PDB file of all heavy atoms in Angstrom:
ATOM      1  N   THR A   1     118.090 143.358  23.688  1.00  0.00           N
ATOM      2  CA  THR A   1     117.335 144.184  24.686  1.00  0.00           C
ATOM      3  C   THR A   1     116.517 143.272  25.629  1.00  0.00           C
ATOM      4  O   THR A   1     116.023 143.723  26.560  1.00  0.00           O
ATOM      5  CB  THR A   1     116.326 145.023  23.926  1.00  0.00           C
ATOM      6  OG1 THR A   1     115.311 144.243  23.278  1.00  0.00           O
ATOM      7  CG2 THR A   1     117.084 145.924  22.934  1.00  0.00           C
ATOM      8  N   LYS A   2     116.399 141.969  25.266  1.00  0.00           N
ATOM      9  CA  LYS A   2     115.603 141.043  26.046  1.00  0.00           C
ATOM     10  C   LYS A   2     114.102 141.341  25.959  1.00  0.00           C
ATOM     11  O   LYS A   2     113.315 140.829  26.700  1.00  0.00           O
ATOM     12  CB  LYS A   2     116.010 140.949  27.492  1.00  0.00           C
ATOM     13  CG  LYS A   2     117.473 140.692  27.675  1.00  0.00           C
ATOM     14  CD  LYS A   2     117.998 139.434  26.873  1.00  0.00           C
ATOM     15  CE  LYS A   2     119.461 139.280  27.054  1.00  0.00           C
ATOM     16  NZ  LYS A   2     119.983 138.140  26.203  1.00  0.00           N
ATOM     17  N   ILE A   3     113.669 142.295  25.094  1.00  0.00           N
ATOM     18  CA  ILE A   3     112.222 142.571  24.823  1.00  0.00           C
ATOM     19  C   ILE A   3     111.655 141.331  24.222  1.00  0.00           C
ATOM     20  O   ILE A   3     112.221 140.748  23.273  1.00  0.00           O
ATOM     21  CB  ILE A   3     112.072 143.811  23.981  1.00  0.00           C
ATOM     22  CG1 ILE A   3     112.604 145.065  24.680  1.00  0.00           C
ATOM     23  CG2 ILE A   3     110.596 144.022  23.597  1.00  0.00           C
ATOM     24  CD1 ILE A   3     112.616 146.269  23.820  1.00  0.00           C
ATOM     25  N   ASP A   4     110.508 140.886  24.706  1.00  0.00           N
ATOM     26  CA  ASP A   4     109.797 139.746  24.151  1.00  0.00           C
ATOM     27  C   ASP A   4     109.567 139.922  22.655  1.00  0.00           C
ATOM     28  O   ASP A   4     109.139 140.976  22.177  1.00  0.00           O
ATOM     29  CB  ASP A   4     108.439 139.596  24.912  1.00  0.00           C
ATOM     30  CG  ASP A   4     107.813 138.243  24.761  1.00  0.00           C
ATOM     31  OD1 ASP A   4     107.916 137.691  23.578  1.00  0.00           O
ATOM     32  OD2 ASP A   4     107.147 137.785  25.607  1.00  0.00           O
ATOM     33  N   ALA A   5     109.738 138.840  21.902  1.00  0.00           N
ATOM     34  CA  ALA A   5     109.521 138.868  20.439  1.00  0.00           C
ATOM     35  C   ALA A   5     108.087 139.303  20.158  1.00  0.00           C
ATOM     36  O   ALA A   5     107.783 139.985  19.158  1.00  0.00           O
ATOM     37  CB  ALA A   5     109.798 137.534  19.826  1.00  0.00           C
ATOM     38  N   ASP A   6     107.141 138.901  21.013  1.00  0.00           N
ATOM     39  CA  ASP A   6     105.748 139.324  20.747  1.00  0.00           C
ATOM     40  C   ASP A   6     105.387 140.722  20.988  1.00  0.00           C
ATOM     41  O   ASP A   6     104.407 141.226  20.633  1.00  0.00           O
ATOM     42  CB  ASP A   6     104.866 138.421  21.707  1.00  0.00           C
ATOM     43  CG  ASP A   6     104.752 136.918  21.341  1.00  0.00           C
ATOM     44  OD1 ASP A   6     105.376 136.563  20.326  1.00  0.00           O
ATOM     45  OD2 ASP A   6     104.166 136.106  22.122  1.00  0.00           O
ATOM     46  N   ALA A   7     106.379 141.470  21.603  1.00  0.00           N
ATOM     47  CA  ALA A   7     106.246 142.786  21.957  1.00  0.00           C
ATOM     48  C   ALA A   7     106.900 143.791  21.005  1.00  0.00           C
ATOM     49  O   ALA A   7     107.037 144.985  21.346  1.00  0.00           O
ATOM     50  CB  ALA A   7     106.658 143.008  23.396  1.00  0.00           C
ATOM     51  N   ILE A   8     107.310 143.343  19.866  1.00  0.00           N
ATOM     52  CA  ILE A   8     108.092 144.205  18.926  1.00  0.00           C
ATOM     53  C   ILE A   8     107.223 144.419  17.700  1.00  0.00           C
ATOM     54  O   ILE A   8     106.936 143.494  16.940  1.00  0.00           O
ATOM     55  CB  ILE A   8     109.410 143.511  18.526  1.00  0.00           C
ATOM     56  CG1 ILE A   8     110.316 143.302  19.829  1.00  0.00           C
ATOM     57  CG2 ILE A   8     110.164 144.360  17.496  1.00  0.00           C
ATOM     58  CD1 ILE A   8     111.477 142.434  19.567  1.00  0.00           C
ATOM     59  N   MET A   9     106.904 145.684  17.461  1.00  0.00           N
ATOM     60  CA  MET A   9     106.144 146.047  16.212  1.00  0.00           C
ATOM     61  C   MET A   9     106.921 146.983  15.390  1.00  0.00           C
ATOM     62  O   MET A   9     107.208 148.171  15.815  1.00  0.00           O
ATOM     63  CB  MET A   9     104.806 146.718  16.721  1.00  0.00           C
ATOM     64  CG  MET A   9     103.856 147.106  15.580  1.00  0.00           C
ATOM     65  SD  MET A   9     102.339 148.017  16.068  1.00  0.00           S
ATOM     66  CE  MET A   9     101.500 146.671  16.961  1.00  0.00           C
ATOM     67  N   ILE A  10     107.254 146.581  14.199  1.00  0.00           N
ATOM     68  CA  ILE A  10     108.005 147.394  13.296  1.00  0.00           C
ATOM     69  C   ILE A  10     107.194 147.492  12.004  1.00  0.00           C
ATOM     70  O   ILE A  10     106.915 146.541  11.357  1.00  0.00           O
ATOM     71  CB  ILE A  10     109.429 146.859  12.908  1.00  0.00           C
ATOM     72  CG1 ILE A  10     110.224 146.533  14.205  1.00  0.00           C
ATOM     73  CG2 ILE A  10     110.210 147.768  12.040  1.00  0.00           C
ATOM     74  CD1 ILE A  10     111.548 145.925  13.973  1.00  0.00           C
ATOM     75  N   SER A  11     106.985 148.757  11.562  1.00  0.00           N
ATOM     76  CA  SER A  11     106.147 148.930  10.363  1.00  0.00           C
ATOM     77  C   SER A  11     106.950 149.748   9.435  1.00  0.00           C
ATOM     78  O   SER A  11     107.918 150.447   9.747  1.00  0.00           O
ATOM     79  CB  SER A  11     104.799 149.656  10.680  1.00  0.00           C
ATOM     80  OG  SER A  11     105.089 150.992  11.200  1.00  0.00           O
ATOM     81  N   ALA A  12     106.569 149.688   8.123  1.00  0.00           N
ATOM     82  CA  ALA A  12     107.156 150.507   7.105  1.00  0.00           C
ATOM     83  C   ALA A  12     106.192 151.687   6.870  1.00  0.00           C
ATOM     84  O   ALA A  12     104.986 151.638   6.893  1.00  0.00           O
ATOM     85  CB  ALA A  12     107.252 149.766   5.783  1.00  0.00           C
ATOM     86  N   THR A  13     106.822 152.908   6.657  1.00  0.00           N
ATOM     87  CA  THR A  13     105.972 154.069   6.431  1.00  0.00           C
ATOM     88  C   THR A  13     105.316 154.025   5.072  1.00  0.00           C
ATOM     89  O   THR A  13     104.377 154.743   4.773  1.00  0.00           O
ATOM     90  CB  THR A  13     106.763 155.418   6.561  1.00  0.00           C
ATOM     91  OG1 THR A  13     107.788 155.380   5.575  1.00  0.00           O
ATOM     92  CG2 THR A  13     107.358 155.443   7.927  1.00  0.00           C
ATOM     93  N   HIS A  14     105.959 153.290   4.178  1.00  0.00           N
ATOM     94  CA  HIS A  14     105.470 153.104   2.735  1.00  0.00           C
ATOM     95  C   HIS A  14     105.853 154.210   1.877  1.00  0.00           C
ATOM     96  O   HIS A  14     105.252 154.402   0.798  1.00  0.00           O
ATOM     97  CB  HIS A  14     103.929 152.840   2.769  1.00  0.00           C
ATOM     98  CG  HIS A  14     103.494 152.199   1.506  1.00  0.00           C
ATOM     99  ND1 HIS A  14     104.009 150.982   1.044  1.00  0.00           N
ATOM    100  CD2 HIS A  14     102.499 152.489   0.573  1.00  0.00           C
ATOM    101  CE1 HIS A  14     103.396 150.597  -0.058  1.00  0.00           C
ATOM    102  NE2 HIS A  14     102.500 151.514  -0.390  1.00  0.00           N
ATOM    103  N   THR A  15     106.900 155.005   2.237  1.00  0.00           N
ATOM    104  CA  THR A  15     107.427 155.968   1.190  1.00  0.00           C
ATOM    105  C   THR A  15     107.880 155.206  -0.063  1.00  0.00           C
ATOM    106  O   THR A  15     108.551 154.235   0.057  1.00  0.00           O
ATOM    107  CB  THR A  15     108.603 156.813   1.799  1.00  0.00           C
ATOM    108  OG1 THR A  15     109.057 157.672   0.742  1.00  0.00           O
ATOM    109  CG2 THR A  15     109.687 155.958   2.381  1.00  0.00           C
ATOM    110  N   HIS A  16     107.424 155.766  -1.199  1.00  0.00           N
ATOM    111  CA  HIS A  16     107.780 155.079  -2.448  1.00  0.00           C
ATOM    112  C   HIS A  16     109.084 155.617  -2.989  1.00  0.00           C
ATOM    113  O   HIS A  16     109.677 155.093  -3.911  1.00  0.00           O
ATOM    114  CB  HIS A  16     106.706 155.353  -3.510  1.00  0.00           C
ATOM    115  CG  HIS A  16     105.520 154.469  -3.400  1.00  0.00           C
ATOM    116  ND1 HIS A  16     104.804 154.385  -2.186  1.00  0.00           N
ATOM    117  CD2 HIS A  16     104.845 153.667  -4.272  1.00  0.00           C
ATOM    118  CE1 HIS A  16     103.793 153.516  -2.291  1.00  0.00           C
ATOM    119  NE2 HIS A  16     103.784 153.099  -3.560  1.00  0.00           N
ATOM    120  N   THR A  17     109.656 156.722  -2.430  1.00  0.00           N
ATOM    121  CA  THR A  17     110.857 157.323  -2.877  1.00  0.00           C
ATOM    122  C   THR A  17     112.011 156.868  -1.974  1.00  0.00           C
ATOM    123  O   THR A  17     112.565 157.715  -1.168  1.00  0.00           O
ATOM    124  CB  THR A  17     110.675 158.882  -2.936  1.00  0.00           C
ATOM    125  OG1 THR A  17     109.481 159.187  -3.414  1.00  0.00           O
ATOM    126  CG2 THR A  17     111.768 159.488  -3.841  1.00  0.00           C
ATOM    127  N   ALA A  18     112.315 155.607  -2.032  1.00  0.00           N
ATOM    128  CA  ALA A  18     113.241 154.954  -1.162  1.00  0.00           C
ATOM    129  C   ALA A  18     114.025 153.903  -1.910  1.00  0.00           C
ATOM    130  O   ALA A  18     113.658 153.601  -3.063  1.00  0.00           O
ATOM    131  CB  ALA A  18     112.482 154.209  -0.048  1.00  0.00           C
ATOM    132  N   PRO A  19     115.122 153.385  -1.343  1.00  0.00           N
ATOM    133  CA  PRO A  19     115.924 152.363  -2.063  1.00  0.00           C
ATOM    134  C   PRO A  19     115.159 151.064  -2.352  1.00  0.00           C
ATOM    135  O   PRO A  19     114.185 150.705  -1.682  1.00  0.00           O
ATOM    136  CB  PRO A  19     117.040 152.081  -1.141  1.00  0.00           C
ATOM    137  CG  PRO A  19     117.043 153.245  -0.119  1.00  0.00           C
ATOM    138  CD  PRO A  19     115.640 153.674  -0.039  1.00  0.00           C
ATOM    139  N   GLN A  20     115.651 150.356  -3.397  1.00  0.00           N
ATOM    140  CA  GLN A  20     115.125 149.057  -3.689  1.00  0.00           C
ATOM    141  C   GLN A  20     115.740 148.046  -2.721  1.00  0.00           C
ATOM    142  O   GLN A  20     117.034 147.872  -2.712  1.00  0.00           O
ATOM    143  CB  GLN A  20     115.518 148.654  -5.136  1.00  0.00           C
ATOM    144  CG  GLN A  20     115.061 147.242  -5.596  1.00  0.00           C
ATOM    145  CD  GLN A  20     113.564 147.011  -5.367  1.00  0.00           C
ATOM    146  OE1 GLN A  20     113.146 146.331  -4.382  1.00  0.00           O
ATOM    147  NE2 GLN A  20     112.795 147.535  -6.290  1.00  0.00           N
ATOM    148  N   ILE A  21     114.889 147.397  -1.895  1.00  0.00           N
ATOM    149  CA  ILE A  21     115.565 146.476  -0.919  1.00  0.00           C
ATOM    150  C   ILE A  21     115.149 145.043  -1.199  1.00  0.00           C
ATOM    151  O   ILE A  21     115.316 144.188  -0.342  1.00  0.00           O
ATOM    152  CB  ILE A  21     115.082 146.861   0.504  1.00  0.00           C
ATOM    153  CG1 ILE A  21     113.621 146.932   0.732  1.00  0.00           C
ATOM    154  CG2 ILE A  21     115.783 148.246   0.911  1.00  0.00           C
ATOM    155  CD1 ILE A  21     113.221 147.177   2.153  1.00  0.00           C
ATOM    156  N   ARG A  22     114.722 144.761  -2.431  1.00  0.00           N
ATOM    157  CA  ARG A  22     114.461 143.348  -2.847  1.00  0.00           C
ATOM    158  C   ARG A  22     115.455 143.019  -3.952  1.00  0.00           C
ATOM    159  O   ARG A  22     115.320 143.635  -5.054  1.00  0.00           O
ATOM    160  CB  ARG A  22     112.968 143.168  -3.261  1.00  0.00           C
ATOM    161  CG  ARG A  22     112.102 143.175  -2.020  1.00  0.00           C
ATOM    162  CD  ARG A  22     110.649 143.321  -2.405  1.00  0.00           C
ATOM    163  NE  ARG A  22     109.812 143.108  -1.219  1.00  0.00           N
ATOM    164  CZ  ARG A  22     109.557 144.021  -0.260  1.00  0.00           C
ATOM    165  NH1 ARG A  22     110.127 145.207  -0.314  1.00  0.00           N
ATOM    166  NH2 ARG A  22     108.795 143.692   0.739  1.00  0.00           N
ATOM    167  N   GLU A  23     116.311 142.108  -3.687  1.00  0.00           N
ATOM    168  CA  GLU A  23     117.417 141.876  -4.623  1.00  0.00           C
ATOM    169  C   GLU A  23     116.910 141.431  -6.033  1.00  0.00           C
ATOM    170  O   GLU A  23     117.509 141.764  -7.003  1.00  0.00           O
ATOM    171  CB  GLU A  23     118.290 140.697  -4.059  1.00  0.00           C
ATOM    172  CG  GLU A  23     119.500 140.433  -4.857  1.00  0.00           C
ATOM    173  CD  GLU A  23     120.425 139.427  -4.205  1.00  0.00           C
ATOM    174  OE1 GLU A  23     120.243 139.055  -2.984  1.00  0.00           O
ATOM    175  OE2 GLU A  23     121.349 138.930  -4.868  1.00  0.00           O
ATOM    176  N   ARG A  24     115.782 140.714  -6.062  1.00  0.00           N
ATOM    177  CA  ARG A  24     115.229 140.203  -7.393  1.00  0.00           C
ATOM    178  C   ARG A  24     114.876 141.390  -8.254  1.00  0.00           C
ATOM    179  O   ARG A  24     114.695 141.139  -9.517  1.00  0.00           O
ATOM    180  CB  ARG A  24     114.107 139.280  -7.142  1.00  0.00           C
ATOM    181  CG  ARG A  24     112.844 139.904  -6.569  1.00  0.00           C
ATOM    182  CD  ARG A  24     111.749 138.933  -6.309  1.00  0.00           C
ATOM    183  NE  ARG A  24     110.474 139.423  -5.885  1.00  0.00           N
ATOM    184  CZ  ARG A  24     110.197 139.755  -4.655  1.00  0.00           C
ATOM    185  NH1 ARG A  24     111.104 139.727  -3.674  1.00  0.00           N
ATOM    186  NH2 ARG A  24     108.936 140.232  -4.373  1.00  0.00           N
ATOM    187  N   TYR A  25     114.711 142.585  -7.794  1.00  0.00           N
ATOM    188  CA  TYR A  25     114.313 143.715  -8.572  1.00  0.00           C
ATOM    189  C   TYR A  25     115.498 144.614  -9.026  1.00  0.00           C
ATOM    190  O   TYR A  25     115.310 145.707  -9.553  1.00  0.00           O
ATOM    191  CB  TYR A  25     113.239 144.580  -7.951  1.00  0.00           C
ATOM    192  CG  TYR A  25     111.909 143.869  -7.905  1.00  0.00           C
ATOM    193  CD1 TYR A  25     111.199 143.748  -6.678  1.00  0.00           C
ATOM    194  CD2 TYR A  25     111.282 143.344  -8.990  1.00  0.00           C
ATOM    195  CE1 TYR A  25     110.012 143.095  -6.563  1.00  0.00           C
ATOM    196  CE2 TYR A  25     110.036 142.743  -8.942  1.00  0.00           C
ATOM    197  CZ  TYR A  25     109.429 142.605  -7.697  1.00  0.00           C
ATOM    198  OH  TYR A  25     108.186 141.969  -7.644  1.00  0.00           O
ATOM    199  N   LEU A  26     116.717 144.178  -8.633  1.00  0.00           N
ATOM    200  CA  LEU A  26     117.853 145.032  -9.054  1.00  0.00           C
ATOM    201  C   LEU A  26     118.062 145.048 -10.484  1.00  0.00           C
ATOM    202  O   LEU A  26     118.749 145.998 -11.045  1.00  0.00           O
ATOM    203  CB  LEU A  26     119.115 144.568  -8.311  1.00  0.00           C
ATOM    204  CG  LEU A  26     119.008 144.768  -6.754  1.00  0.00           C
ATOM    205  CD1 LEU A  26     120.249 144.250  -6.125  1.00  0.00           C
ATOM    206  CD2 LEU A  26     118.785 146.255  -6.458  1.00  0.00           C
ATOM    207  N   GLY A  27     117.564 144.054 -11.228  1.00  0.00           N
ATOM    208  CA  GLY A  27     117.618 144.079 -12.756  1.00  0.00           C
ATOM    209  C   GLY A  27     118.969 144.348 -13.342  1.00  0.00           C
ATOM    210  O   GLY A  27     119.989 143.706 -12.933  1.00  0.00           O
TER     211      GLY A  27
END
């Protein structure tokens, strides 16, 4: 998009009922 890296804000909503996205916790 050529949008400046400083101009991109991505947040997590923090829903707890979501997939595990950290490989170390796949157990």
